[in-house]
Amino acid sequence: MTDPARPGPATRGTDDLDLTAPDGVRLAATLVRPAAATWPAVLIRTPYGRGRLLPEARGWAAHGFGCLVVDVRGRGGSTGEFRPYDHETDDGVAALAALRATPGCDGRVVLAGASYGAHCAVAGALADPGVCGVLAAVPALGPGETAREPGGAARLACRIGWWSEHGAGARPAAPSAVSTLPVSGALTPAPDGWADLWDAPEETPWLWSGIARAAMPLLAVGGTADPFAARTRELARCWGGPSRLVLGPWGHELDAPAPGAVLAGRRIGAVYAAWARAAVQGRPRGRGALVAVGETGRWVRAGDGPALTVAAAPPDGFPAGFVADPERPVRSRPPGAPTPALAPTDGAAPAATPPAAPPATSTGTTAATTSATTAATTESAAAGRPADRVVAHTPPLPAGVLAGPLVVTVTGDTDAPDADWVVRVGLRGHDLVTAVHRHRGPVSRQVVVTTPPVGAAVDEGDRLRVEIAGHHWPAHARNPHTGRDPAHATELRADRRTVHALRLDLPHVRPGRDEVAAAAIPEEVTL
């Protein structure tokens, strides 16, 4: 995380320490000391081996912070049994007490972590409100929060990957695991906690009630291509105290591959260090969200409400039907992937080029409303199979930036008691964002699907391509359409659906409004 543009003083040294958890478990830790005699500190706890984080710890020391990196119990050099999310509150309190008692530490501590480590940071802060701040990057906040989308759909591929790599007795998962029914039996023998994962509440009650009451500052950092982007935004929005959200065009590793132009050649560590210095000084005080406009180096201050409402429709008009068949599900694609022409084996013909449409009109109010009279296409049947999705386009959009989540309202029919509604939105031939919402209970004519946040420039006349489907596999488990939870289902049924209307509420920012230069982002988060 060291900022090469602002080299700091040399570190004083590195010490390996043994900490003791309340139940006697030994927690292995490494402390990297800065050159100063006394210093504020950063505490990082990780299940991924503290040695991997020592370069970051040295970066913190170069910025004047002592940094203690701790292996969570049962991982790295720590004793005990690793049961994900079970012991991080008490162990965090013990690590904090040991750090504050370390000679040189002035008592001011920031808790930091990425992915699972972000849960450790948040859990520790909720148990010790005396910490100066929390830095949570790409947060994997809890078992239910990682197993389910905010809309309730069950994640699959990334959960099999993580648990097969990091669960007890970690071992590679067989390629057939994503096809296993039930999903809860995909790993055999199952690591401790794997079965419980699928029965966990979608949001951990004690965690979110504590988040709402938290008073110390928060810096939440994520990527629009990260699977936990929506949770990162939710964490910042629900945090009780001052909060800053920073969303770049990154995946789960943030800007680890290369700094690029996103932060004017700096690494994300420059943002971390600036915010942490402000936090230990009793700042920042306000709230705000910053979203990168792709990799251009442009940033936008994102608001809460949509500013542009548009409709999308197939060229032949509504209604438009498709069959959501879990035996031949619509397949997931990597974030940002090119939008391919659909092959007959996908159950649909290639999409036609949408016909021209009149320019969008504006009411002159905060929310501009446009209606699409054309500009869409429905994937038609091919090879004797019914279409497996509906594809539509919006009318031409005004120039600006999309910064935040898209809200897609689908008016449609299904006979299934439990159905996933997949919305995949594309721009200029590439996927922009995908969201999956699980609708349960009585059939509703309207389903509201909120996507993860996006950051993208829109040129005058651009159109959004909108796919509506019933599956997004193997990124997500196949919905069985029987009323059984997808994680436990063993029987799969096809579901015929009809879409009657599509409306998109877009987080549209007009050109030149609320823009922030890349070089100003480290200072912006300290306000």
Protein backbone atom coordinates (compact mmCIF):
# COMPACT_ATOMS: atom_id res chain seq x y z
CA MET A 1 0.00 0.00 0.00
CA THR A 2 3.07 2.29 0.06
CA ASP A 3 2.60 5.45 -1.98
CA PRO A 4 5.77 5.66 -4.13
CA ALA A 5 5.20 9.37 -4.74
CA ARG A 6 5.58 10.12 -1.04
CA PRO A 7 8.26 7.86 0.45
CA GLY A 8 8.15 7.74 4.23
CA PRO A 9 10.79 7.07 6.87
CA ALA A 10 12.41 3.66 7.20
CA THR A 11 10.86 1.12 9.55
CA ARG A 12 12.51 0.49 12.87
CA GLY A 13 12.08 -3.27 12.79
CA THR A 14 9.83 -6.31 12.72
CA ASP A 15 8.89 -8.47 15.71
CA ASP A 16 7.05 -11.79 15.82
CA LEU A 17 4.62 -11.95 18.73
CA ASP A 18 2.36 -14.50 20.38
CA LEU A 19 -1.01 -13.19 21.56
CA THR A 20 -3.49 -15.09 23.72
CA ALA A 21 -7.21 -15.33 22.99
CA PRO A 22 -9.69 -15.41 25.91
CA ASP A 23 -9.94 -19.21 25.73
CA GLY A 24 -6.16 -19.70 25.66
CA VAL A 25 -5.69 -20.12 21.91
CA ARG A 26 -2.35 -18.71 20.74
CA LEU A 27 -2.60 -16.13 17.97
CA ALA A 28 0.55 -15.63 15.90
CA ALA A 29 1.29 -12.02 14.98
CA THR A 30 3.97 -9.85 13.39
CA LEU A 31 4.48 -6.21 14.30
CA VAL A 32 6.19 -3.81 11.90
CA ARG A 33 7.34 -0.67 13.75
CA PRO A 34 7.82 2.76 12.17
CA ALA A 35 10.88 4.91 12.84
CA ALA A 36 9.18 7.17 15.41
CA ALA A 37 9.42 6.44 19.13
CA THR A 38 5.63 6.53 19.55
CA TRP A 39 3.04 5.93 16.88
CA PRO A 40 -0.60 5.25 16.04
CA ALA A 41 -1.28 1.72 14.86
CA VAL A 42 -3.15 -0.35 12.31
CA LEU A 43 -4.45 -3.82 13.21
CA ILE A 44 -5.02 -6.36 10.43
CA ARG A 45 -6.29 -9.89 11.02
CA THR A 46 -6.30 -12.43 8.21
CA PRO A 47 -6.98 -16.09 7.44
CA TYR A 48 -4.67 -15.96 4.40
CA GLY A 49 -1.28 -16.01 6.16
CA ARG A 50 0.22 -12.92 7.70
CA GLY A 51 3.38 -13.25 5.61
CA ARG A 52 1.40 -12.24 2.52
CA LEU A 53 0.47 -8.95 4.19
CA LEU A 54 3.90 -7.90 5.43
CA PRO A 55 4.52 -5.68 2.37
CA GLU A 56 1.34 -3.80 3.28
CA ALA A 57 2.46 -3.62 6.90
CA ARG A 58 5.76 -2.09 5.82
CA GLY A 59 3.78 0.40 3.74
CA TRP A 60 1.84 1.44 6.83
CA ALA A 61 5.09 1.81 8.76
CA ALA A 62 6.52 4.02 6.01
CA HIS A 63 3.55 6.32 6.61
CA GLY A 64 4.22 6.47 10.35
CA PHE A 65 1.90 3.71 11.60
CA GLY A 66 2.84 0.62 13.53
CA CYS A 67 1.12 -2.34 11.91
CA LEU A 68 0.22 -5.57 13.66
CA VAL A 69 -0.77 -8.44 11.36
CA VAL A 70 -2.43 -11.40 13.11
CA ASP A 71 -3.26 -14.87 11.81
CA VAL A 72 -6.83 -15.71 12.84
CA ARG A 73 -7.20 -18.84 14.93
CA GLY A 74 -6.51 -22.09 13.16
CA ARG A 75 -4.70 -20.36 10.27
CA GLY A 76 -1.05 -19.58 9.60
CA GLY A 77 0.89 -19.86 12.84
CA SER A 78 -2.13 -19.62 15.16
CA THR A 79 -3.48 -22.56 17.11
CA GLY A 80 -7.13 -23.54 17.51
CA GLU A 81 -9.75 -24.43 14.92
CA PHE A 82 -10.73 -22.10 12.08
CA ARG A 83 -14.50 -21.86 11.85
CA PRO A 84 -15.26 -18.92 9.56
CA TYR A 85 -16.93 -15.98 11.32
CA ASP A 86 -17.20 -17.73 14.70
CA HIS A 87 -14.46 -16.17 16.86
CA GLU A 88 -13.50 -12.85 15.34
CA THR A 89 -15.15 -10.58 17.91
CA ASP A 90 -13.46 -11.97 21.03
CA ASP A 91 -10.16 -12.60 19.27
CA GLY A 92 -10.26 -9.06 17.91
CA VAL A 93 -10.70 -7.58 21.38
CA ALA A 94 -7.70 -9.60 22.59
CA ALA A 95 -5.53 -8.46 19.68
CA LEU A 96 -6.52 -4.82 20.25
CA ALA A 97 -5.63 -4.99 23.93
CA ALA A 98 -2.24 -6.52 23.12
CA LEU A 99 -1.51 -3.88 20.49
CA ARG A 100 -2.41 -0.98 22.76
CA ALA A 101 -0.15 -2.45 25.47
CA THR A 102 2.82 -2.70 23.08
CA PRO A 103 5.61 -0.22 23.89
CA GLY A 104 5.54 2.61 21.35
CA CYS A 105 1.82 2.41 20.53
CA ASP A 106 0.12 5.67 21.56
CA GLY A 107 -3.26 3.98 21.91
CA ARG A 108 -4.76 5.26 18.65
CA VAL A 109 -5.69 2.26 16.51
CA VAL A 110 -7.34 1.86 13.12
CA LEU A 111 -8.76 -1.56 12.24
CA ALA A 112 -8.20 -2.56 8.61
CA GLY A 113 -8.82 -5.59 6.44
CA ALA A 114 -9.83 -6.85 3.03
CA SER A 115 -12.36 -9.58 2.18
CA TYR A 116 -12.64 -11.83 5.26
CA GLY A 117 -10.26 -9.44 7.01
CA ALA A 118 -12.86 -6.67 6.59
CA HIS A 119 -15.28 -8.74 8.68
CA CYS A 120 -12.56 -9.04 11.32
CA ALA A 121 -12.12 -5.25 11.32
CA VAL A 122 -15.85 -4.49 11.55
CA ALA A 123 -16.46 -7.12 14.25
CA GLY A 124 -13.55 -5.83 16.32
CA ALA A 125 -14.74 -2.23 16.07
CA LEU A 126 -18.29 -3.10 17.12
CA ALA A 127 -16.87 -4.70 20.27
CA ASP A 128 -14.47 -1.81 21.01
CA PRO A 129 -15.93 1.60 20.14
CA GLY A 130 -12.69 3.25 21.24
CA VAL A 131 -10.92 2.49 17.95
CA CYS A 132 -10.24 5.50 15.73
CA GLY A 133 -11.72 4.08 12.55
CA VAL A 134 -12.45 1.08 10.34
CA LEU A 135 -11.06 0.47 6.86
CA ALA A 136 -13.06 -2.28 5.14
CA ALA A 137 -12.00 -3.25 1.61
CA VAL A 138 -14.03 -5.62 -0.61
CA PRO A 139 -15.83 -6.78 2.55
CA ALA A 140 -16.97 -10.39 2.91
CA LEU A 141 -19.04 -9.49 5.93
CA GLY A 142 -20.61 -12.76 7.06
CA PRO A 143 -21.70 -16.26 6.06
CA GLY A 144 -25.10 -15.22 4.71
CA GLU A 145 -23.73 -12.04 3.16
CA THR A 146 -21.23 -14.07 1.12
CA ALA A 147 -23.54 -16.99 0.28
CA ARG A 148 -26.44 -14.83 -0.94
CA GLU A 149 -26.83 -11.75 -3.06
CA PRO A 150 -28.62 -8.85 -1.34
CA GLY A 151 -31.65 -9.94 -3.40
CA GLY A 152 -31.50 -13.44 -1.86
CA ALA A 153 -30.11 -15.46 -4.81
CA ALA A 154 -27.59 -18.16 -3.88
CA ARG A 155 -24.00 -17.65 -5.02
CA LEU A 156 -22.30 -20.83 -6.19
CA ALA A 157 -18.98 -20.79 -8.04
CA CYS A 158 -17.16 -18.31 -5.82
CA ARG A 159 -18.38 -20.04 -2.64
CA ILE A 160 -17.24 -23.47 -3.84
CA GLY A 161 -13.89 -21.93 -4.73
CA TRP A 162 -13.37 -20.17 -1.40
CA TRP A 163 -14.46 -23.03 0.82
CA SER A 164 -12.52 -25.65 -1.12
CA GLU A 165 -9.41 -23.49 -0.76
CA HIS A 166 -9.84 -22.20 2.79
CA GLY A 167 -12.18 -24.61 4.59
CA ALA A 168 -10.91 -27.26 6.99
CA GLY A 169 -8.84 -29.84 5.11
CA ALA A 170 -8.73 -27.52 2.09
CA ARG A 171 -8.50 -29.27 -1.25
CA PRO A 172 -9.36 -28.38 -4.85
CA ALA A 173 -13.00 -28.82 -5.80
CA ALA A 174 -13.86 -31.21 -8.63
CA PRO A 175 -15.08 -29.46 -11.82
CA SER A 176 -18.41 -31.24 -11.45
CA ALA A 177 -19.06 -29.60 -8.08
CA VAL A 178 -21.04 -26.73 -9.61
CA SER A 179 -23.48 -29.25 -11.12
CA THR A 180 -23.97 -31.19 -7.88
CA LEU A 181 -27.44 -31.36 -6.37
CA PRO A 182 -28.08 -30.38 -3.72
CA VAL A 183 -25.66 -27.45 -3.73
CA SER A 184 -25.08 -27.98 -0.01
CA GLY A 185 -23.49 -31.34 -0.92
CA ALA A 186 -21.08 -29.94 -3.51
CA LEU A 187 -18.02 -30.39 -1.26
CA THR A 188 -17.41 -33.89 0.11
CA PRO A 189 -16.33 -34.24 2.83
CA ALA A 190 -17.77 -30.86 3.71
CA PRO A 191 -15.52 -28.38 5.54
CA ASP A 192 -16.74 -27.30 8.96
CA GLY A 193 -19.28 -24.55 8.46
CA TRP A 194 -20.11 -25.37 4.83
CA ALA A 195 -23.55 -26.83 5.56
CA ASP A 196 -24.36 -24.05 8.03
CA LEU A 197 -23.49 -21.47 5.37
CA TRP A 198 -26.62 -22.25 3.35
CA ASP A 199 -28.94 -21.95 6.33
CA ALA A 200 -27.44 -18.71 7.62
CA PRO A 201 -29.64 -15.59 7.52
CA GLU A 202 -29.02 -13.40 4.49
CA GLU A 203 -27.83 -10.66 6.84
CA THR A 204 -26.16 -11.37 10.19
CA PRO A 205 -28.49 -9.66 12.71
CA TRP A 206 -25.97 -8.67 15.38
CA LEU A 207 -23.55 -7.35 12.75
CA TRP A 208 -26.00 -5.02 10.99
CA SER A 209 -27.58 -3.73 14.19
CA GLY A 210 -24.07 -2.87 15.39
CA ILE A 211 -23.16 -1.27 12.07
CA ALA A 212 -26.17 1.06 12.40
CA ARG A 213 -24.96 2.19 15.85
CA ALA A 214 -21.24 2.51 15.03
CA ALA A 215 -19.87 6.01 15.69
CA MET A 216 -16.23 5.87 14.52
CA PRO A 217 -15.34 6.78 10.90
CA LEU A 218 -15.50 4.15 8.16
CA LEU A 219 -13.70 3.92 4.83
CA ALA A 220 -15.36 1.30 2.62
CA VAL A 221 -13.40 0.47 -0.54
CA GLY A 222 -14.62 -1.77 -3.33
CA GLY A 223 -14.65 -2.43 -7.02
CA THR A 224 -17.51 -2.34 -9.50
CA ALA A 225 -16.27 -5.73 -10.79
CA ASP A 226 -16.08 -7.22 -7.28
CA PRO A 227 -18.81 -9.70 -6.27
CA PHE A 228 -19.29 -7.83 -2.99
CA ALA A 229 -19.73 -4.36 -4.52
CA ALA A 230 -23.37 -4.12 -3.44
CA ARG A 231 -22.50 -5.09 0.14
CA THR A 232 -19.65 -2.57 0.18
CA ARG A 233 -22.10 0.19 -0.72
CA GLU A 234 -24.65 -1.11 1.79
CA LEU A 235 -22.03 -1.10 4.55
CA ALA A 236 -21.19 2.55 3.87
CA ARG A 237 -24.87 3.55 3.65
CA CYS A 238 -25.85 1.78 6.89
CA TRP A 239 -22.82 2.84 8.95
CA GLY A 240 -23.95 4.98 11.89
CA GLY A 241 -20.93 7.27 11.97
CA PRO A 242 -19.00 9.21 9.34
CA SER A 243 -18.46 7.09 6.23
CA ARG A 244 -16.69 7.29 2.90
CA LEU A 245 -17.30 4.90 0.02
CA VAL A 246 -14.68 4.55 -2.73
CA LEU A 247 -15.57 2.33 -5.71
CA GLY A 248 -13.03 1.91 -8.48
CA PRO A 249 -13.12 -0.19 -11.67
CA TRP A 250 -11.57 -3.12 -9.84
CA GLY A 251 -12.23 -6.73 -8.94
CA HIS A 252 -11.60 -8.42 -5.61
CA GLU A 253 -7.86 -7.66 -5.70
CA LEU A 254 -8.52 -3.94 -6.17
CA ASP A 255 -5.62 -2.29 -8.00
CA ALA A 256 -3.06 -4.99 -7.18
CA PRO A 257 -2.30 -5.79 -10.87
CA ALA A 258 -1.27 -2.20 -11.72
CA PRO A 259 -1.90 1.38 -10.51
CA GLY A 260 -2.97 2.82 -13.88
CA ALA A 261 -4.71 6.16 -14.35
CA VAL A 262 -7.56 5.51 -11.92
CA LEU A 263 -5.75 7.24 -9.04
CA ALA A 264 -3.38 9.31 -11.20
CA GLY A 265 -0.64 6.68 -11.00
CA ARG A 266 -0.92 6.10 -7.27
CA ARG A 267 -1.97 2.89 -5.54
CA ILE A 268 -5.03 2.51 -3.36
CA GLY A 269 -2.62 2.65 -0.40
CA ALA A 270 -2.34 6.42 -0.87
CA VAL A 271 -6.09 6.67 -0.16
CA TYR A 272 -5.78 4.33 2.83
CA ALA A 273 -2.94 6.34 4.38
CA ALA A 274 -4.58 9.74 3.89
CA TRP A 275 -7.84 8.53 5.44
CA ALA A 276 -6.09 6.77 8.36
CA ARG A 277 -4.10 9.92 9.21
CA ALA A 278 -7.36 11.86 9.31
CA ALA A 279 -9.06 9.17 11.40
CA VAL A 280 -6.43 9.17 14.17
CA GLN A 281 -6.67 12.98 14.24
CA GLY A 282 -10.41 12.84 14.91
CA ARG A 283 -11.54 13.32 11.31
CA PRO A 284 -13.32 12.82 8.91
CA ARG A 285 -16.76 13.98 9.94
CA GLY A 286 -19.00 13.72 6.88
CA ARG A 287 -20.38 11.09 4.54
CA GLY A 288 -20.06 10.56 0.83
CA ALA A 289 -19.55 8.17 -2.05
CA LEU A 290 -16.98 8.37 -4.84
CA VAL A 291 -17.32 6.23 -7.98
CA ALA A 292 -14.68 5.94 -10.71
CA VAL A 293 -15.79 6.41 -14.30
CA GLY A 294 -14.09 3.33 -15.72
CA GLU A 295 -10.31 3.51 -15.82
CA THR A 296 -10.17 7.05 -17.17
CA GLY A 297 -9.12 8.83 -14.00
CA ARG A 298 -12.47 10.61 -13.71
CA TRP A 299 -14.46 10.24 -10.52
CA VAL A 300 -17.99 11.31 -9.57
CA ARG A 301 -19.57 12.06 -6.23
CA ALA A 302 -22.51 9.69 -6.31
CA GLY A 303 -25.89 10.61 -4.91
CA ASP A 304 -28.63 8.38 -3.52
CA GLY A 305 -31.46 8.80 -5.99
CA PRO A 306 -31.93 7.98 -9.66
CA ALA A 307 -31.89 10.95 -12.00
CA LEU A 308 -33.12 9.37 -15.22
CA THR A 309 -35.97 6.94 -15.87
CA VAL A 310 -36.21 5.04 -19.14
CA ALA A 311 -38.20 2.13 -20.51
CA ALA A 312 -36.93 -0.76 -22.62
CA ALA A 313 -38.94 -2.99 -24.96
CA PRO A 314 -38.49 -5.65 -27.63
CA PRO A 315 -38.86 -4.52 -31.26
CA ASP A 316 -42.12 -6.41 -31.62
CA GLY A 317 -43.45 -4.99 -28.40
CA PHE A 318 -44.68 -6.71 -25.26
CA PRO A 319 -45.60 -9.30 -24.11
CA ALA A 320 -42.39 -11.27 -24.65
CA GLY A 321 -41.92 -14.79 -23.33
CA PHE A 322 -39.09 -17.11 -22.40
CA VAL A 323 -38.50 -20.36 -20.54
CA ALA A 324 -36.23 -20.49 -17.49
CA ASP A 325 -35.00 -24.06 -17.65
CA PRO A 326 -32.45 -25.04 -14.98
CA GLU A 327 -31.36 -27.98 -17.14
CA ARG A 328 -30.00 -25.49 -19.71
CA PRO A 329 -29.49 -22.32 -17.68
CA VAL A 330 -28.32 -18.99 -19.02
CA ARG A 331 -24.60 -18.97 -18.30
CA SER A 332 -22.72 -16.32 -16.40
CA ARG A 333 -19.93 -14.25 -17.94
CA PRO A 334 -16.98 -12.44 -16.33
CA PRO A 335 -17.64 -8.79 -15.46
CA GLY A 336 -17.04 -6.54 -18.45
CA ALA A 337 -17.08 -9.42 -20.93
CA PRO A 338 -18.04 -8.75 -24.56
CA THR A 339 -21.69 -9.43 -25.27
CA PRO A 340 -21.68 -12.47 -27.58
CA ALA A 341 -24.18 -13.35 -30.24
CA LEU A 342 -26.20 -16.21 -28.78
CA ALA A 343 -25.69 -19.59 -30.38
CA PRO A 344 -28.51 -22.03 -31.12
CA THR A 345 -27.21 -24.20 -28.29
CA ASP A 346 -28.13 -21.40 -25.91
CA GLY A 347 -31.73 -21.76 -26.97
CA ALA A 348 -31.88 -18.41 -28.73
CA ALA A 349 -30.97 -16.78 -31.99
CA PRO A 350 -28.41 -13.96 -32.29
CA ALA A 351 -29.80 -10.60 -31.33
CA ALA A 352 -30.76 -8.32 -34.17
CA THR A 353 -29.43 -4.77 -34.37
CA PRO A 354 -32.05 -2.51 -32.78
CA PRO A 355 -33.74 -0.09 -35.14
CA ALA A 356 -33.26 3.64 -34.84
CA ALA A 357 -35.32 5.49 -32.28
CA PRO A 358 -36.04 9.14 -31.66
CA PRO A 359 -33.78 10.94 -29.19
CA ALA A 360 -34.66 10.85 -25.52
CA THR A 361 -36.64 13.77 -24.17
CA SER A 362 -36.32 15.51 -20.84
CA THR A 363 -38.97 17.06 -18.67
CA GLY A 364 -36.48 19.57 -17.32
CA THR A 365 -36.97 18.26 -13.78
CA THR A 366 -34.56 16.31 -11.58
CA ALA A 367 -35.87 13.04 -12.97
CA ALA A 368 -36.06 12.96 -16.75
CA THR A 369 -38.44 10.38 -18.18
CA THR A 370 -38.20 8.80 -21.59
CA SER A 371 -40.26 6.05 -23.17
CA ALA A 372 -39.04 3.50 -25.67
CA THR A 373 -41.28 2.93 -28.64
CA THR A 374 -38.71 0.76 -30.38
CA ALA A 375 -35.05 -0.07 -29.80
CA ALA A 376 -35.08 -3.61 -28.50
CA THR A 377 -34.98 -7.22 -29.49
CA THR A 378 -36.27 -10.50 -28.12
CA GLU A 379 -34.09 -13.58 -28.40
CA SER A 380 -36.18 -15.84 -30.61
CA ALA A 381 -36.44 -19.58 -30.60
CA ALA A 382 -33.80 -21.58 -32.45
CA ALA A 383 -33.21 -25.25 -33.11
CA GLY A 384 -36.79 -25.92 -32.01
CA ARG A 385 -36.19 -24.59 -28.51
CA PRO A 386 -38.00 -21.71 -26.84
CA ALA A 387 -36.08 -18.56 -26.03
CA ASP A 388 -34.21 -18.66 -22.71
CA ARG A 389 -34.25 -14.88 -22.16
CA VAL A 390 -35.72 -11.60 -23.32
CA VAL A 391 -33.33 -9.00 -24.67
CA ALA A 392 -34.32 -5.34 -24.89
CA HIS A 393 -32.66 -1.99 -25.55
CA THR A 394 -33.40 1.43 -24.15
CA PRO A 395 -33.89 4.43 -26.40
CA PRO A 396 -30.85 6.68 -26.96
CA LEU A 397 -29.60 8.15 -23.69
CA PRO A 398 -28.28 11.63 -22.98
CA ALA A 399 -24.55 12.03 -22.36
CA GLY A 400 -23.34 11.73 -18.79
CA VAL A 401 -22.14 9.21 -16.24
CA LEU A 402 -23.85 6.25 -14.59
CA ALA A 403 -22.58 6.24 -10.99
CA GLY A 404 -24.35 3.88 -8.62
CA PRO A 405 -26.87 1.03 -8.77
CA LEU A 406 -29.45 0.65 -11.53
CA VAL A 407 -33.00 -0.17 -10.41
CA VAL A 408 -34.81 -2.38 -12.93
CA THR A 409 -38.55 -2.96 -12.53
CA VAL A 410 -39.75 -6.05 -14.39
CA THR A 411 -43.47 -6.45 -14.92
CA GLY A 412 -43.89 -10.13 -15.63
CA ASP A 413 -45.65 -13.40 -14.91
CA THR A 414 -44.35 -16.68 -13.52
CA ASP A 415 -46.11 -19.75 -12.19
CA ALA A 416 -43.22 -20.75 -9.95
CA PRO A 417 -43.50 -20.25 -6.16
CA ASP A 418 -39.80 -19.33 -6.06
CA ALA A 419 -38.06 -17.72 -9.03
CA ASP A 420 -34.79 -15.95 -9.75
CA TRP A 421 -34.98 -12.90 -12.00
CA VAL A 422 -31.66 -12.14 -13.67
CA VAL A 423 -30.98 -8.70 -15.13
CA ARG A 424 -27.82 -8.27 -17.21
CA VAL A 425 -27.19 -4.77 -18.59
CA GLY A 426 -24.69 -4.03 -21.34
CA LEU A 427 -23.26 -0.87 -22.87
CA ARG A 428 -21.46 -0.54 -26.21
CA GLY A 429 -21.09 -4.29 -26.72
CA HIS A 430 -19.82 -5.18 -23.23
CA ASP A 431 -21.55 -6.30 -20.05
CA LEU A 432 -21.90 -3.48 -17.56
CA VAL A 433 -23.52 -5.17 -14.56
CA THR A 434 -25.50 -8.29 -13.61
CA ALA A 435 -27.96 -8.65 -10.77
CA VAL A 436 -29.97 -11.65 -9.55
CA HIS A 437 -33.07 -11.24 -7.40
CA ARG A 438 -34.86 -14.18 -5.82
CA HIS A 439 -38.62 -13.67 -5.62
CA ARG A 440 -40.44 -15.87 -3.11
CA GLY A 441 -44.03 -16.25 -2.02
CA PRO A 442 -47.19 -15.12 -3.81
CA VAL A 443 -46.77 -14.27 -7.46
CA SER A 444 -46.22 -10.55 -8.05
CA ARG A 445 -46.65 -8.73 -11.32
CA GLN A 446 -43.71 -6.49 -10.53
CA VAL A 447 -40.24 -7.50 -9.42
CA VAL A 448 -37.73 -4.80 -8.52
CA VAL A 449 -34.10 -5.76 -9.15
CA THR A 450 -31.37 -3.48 -7.84
CA THR A 451 -27.98 -4.01 -9.45
CA PRO A 452 -24.59 -3.56 -7.84
CA PRO A 453 -23.16 -0.05 -8.36
CA VAL A 454 -21.59 0.84 -11.71
CA GLY A 455 -19.30 3.60 -12.93
CA ALA A 456 -19.46 4.22 -16.67
CA ALA A 457 -19.49 7.10 -19.13
CA VAL A 458 -22.48 7.34 -21.47
CA ASP A 459 -22.05 9.06 -24.82
CA GLU A 460 -24.93 10.93 -26.40
CA GLY A 461 -27.16 8.40 -28.13
CA ASP A 462 -25.84 5.30 -26.35
CA ARG A 463 -28.37 2.58 -25.56
CA LEU A 464 -28.36 0.02 -22.81
CA ARG A 465 -28.91 -3.63 -23.69
CA VAL A 466 -31.03 -5.38 -21.06
CA GLU A 467 -31.28 -9.17 -20.71
CA ILE A 468 -33.99 -10.71 -18.54
CA ALA A 469 -33.50 -14.39 -17.68
CA GLY A 470 -34.19 -16.93 -14.96
CA HIS A 471 -30.67 -18.22 -14.26
CA HIS A 472 -27.08 -17.00 -14.10
CA TRP A 473 -25.09 -20.19 -13.77
CA PRO A 474 -22.54 -21.23 -12.48
CA ALA A 475 -22.02 -17.91 -10.73
CA HIS A 476 -25.35 -18.57 -9.00
CA ALA A 477 -27.16 -21.76 -8.10
CA ARG A 478 -29.97 -22.85 -10.39
CA ASN A 479 -33.41 -22.05 -9.05
CA PRO A 480 -35.52 -25.24 -9.04
CA HIS A 481 -38.91 -23.43 -9.36
CA THR A 482 -40.42 -25.77 -6.78
CA GLY A 483 -40.40 -23.50 -3.74
CA ARG A 484 -37.36 -25.33 -2.34
CA ASP A 485 -34.33 -23.23 -1.53
CA PRO A 486 -31.80 -23.52 -4.39
CA ALA A 487 -29.08 -24.62 -1.96
CA HIS A 488 -31.04 -27.69 -0.89
CA ALA A 489 -33.05 -28.58 -4.01
CA THR A 490 -32.68 -31.95 -5.74
CA GLU A 491 -35.49 -31.56 -8.28
CA LEU A 492 -35.35 -29.01 -11.11
CA ARG A 493 -38.33 -27.78 -13.12
CA ALA A 494 -38.65 -25.43 -16.08
CA ASP A 495 -40.65 -22.23 -15.66
CA ARG A 496 -42.40 -20.37 -18.47
CA ARG A 497 -42.44 -16.59 -18.04
CA THR A 498 -43.91 -13.58 -19.76
CA VAL A 499 -42.48 -10.07 -19.54
CA HIS A 500 -44.96 -7.21 -20.03
CA ALA A 501 -42.81 -4.13 -19.34
CA LEU A 502 -39.33 -3.00 -18.30
CA ARG A 503 -38.41 0.22 -16.55
CA LEU A 504 -34.91 1.35 -15.56
CA ASP A 505 -34.13 4.03 -12.99
CA LEU A 506 -30.60 5.11 -13.80
CA PRO A 507 -28.07 6.88 -11.53
CA HIS A 508 -27.36 9.40 -14.29
CA VAL A 509 -25.06 12.35 -13.61
CA ARG A 510 -25.00 15.09 -16.21
CA PRO A 511 -21.65 16.03 -17.82
CA GLY A 512 -19.47 18.20 -15.62
CA ARG A 513 -21.56 17.66 -12.47
CA ASP A 514 -19.98 16.41 -9.21
CA GLU A 515 -16.73 15.34 -10.86
CA VAL A 516 -13.52 14.84 -8.86
CA ALA A 517 -10.00 14.57 -10.30
CA ALA A 518 -8.15 11.32 -9.64
CA ALA A 519 -5.28 13.13 -7.90
CA ALA A 520 -7.75 14.61 -5.39
CA ILE A 521 -9.24 11.32 -4.16
CA PRO A 522 -6.85 10.81 -1.18
CA GLU A 523 -7.71 14.29 0.11
CA GLU A 524 -11.41 13.91 -0.69
CA VAL A 525 -11.85 10.98 1.72
CA THR A 526 -10.46 12.99 4.65
CA LEU A 527 -13.09 15.76 4.58
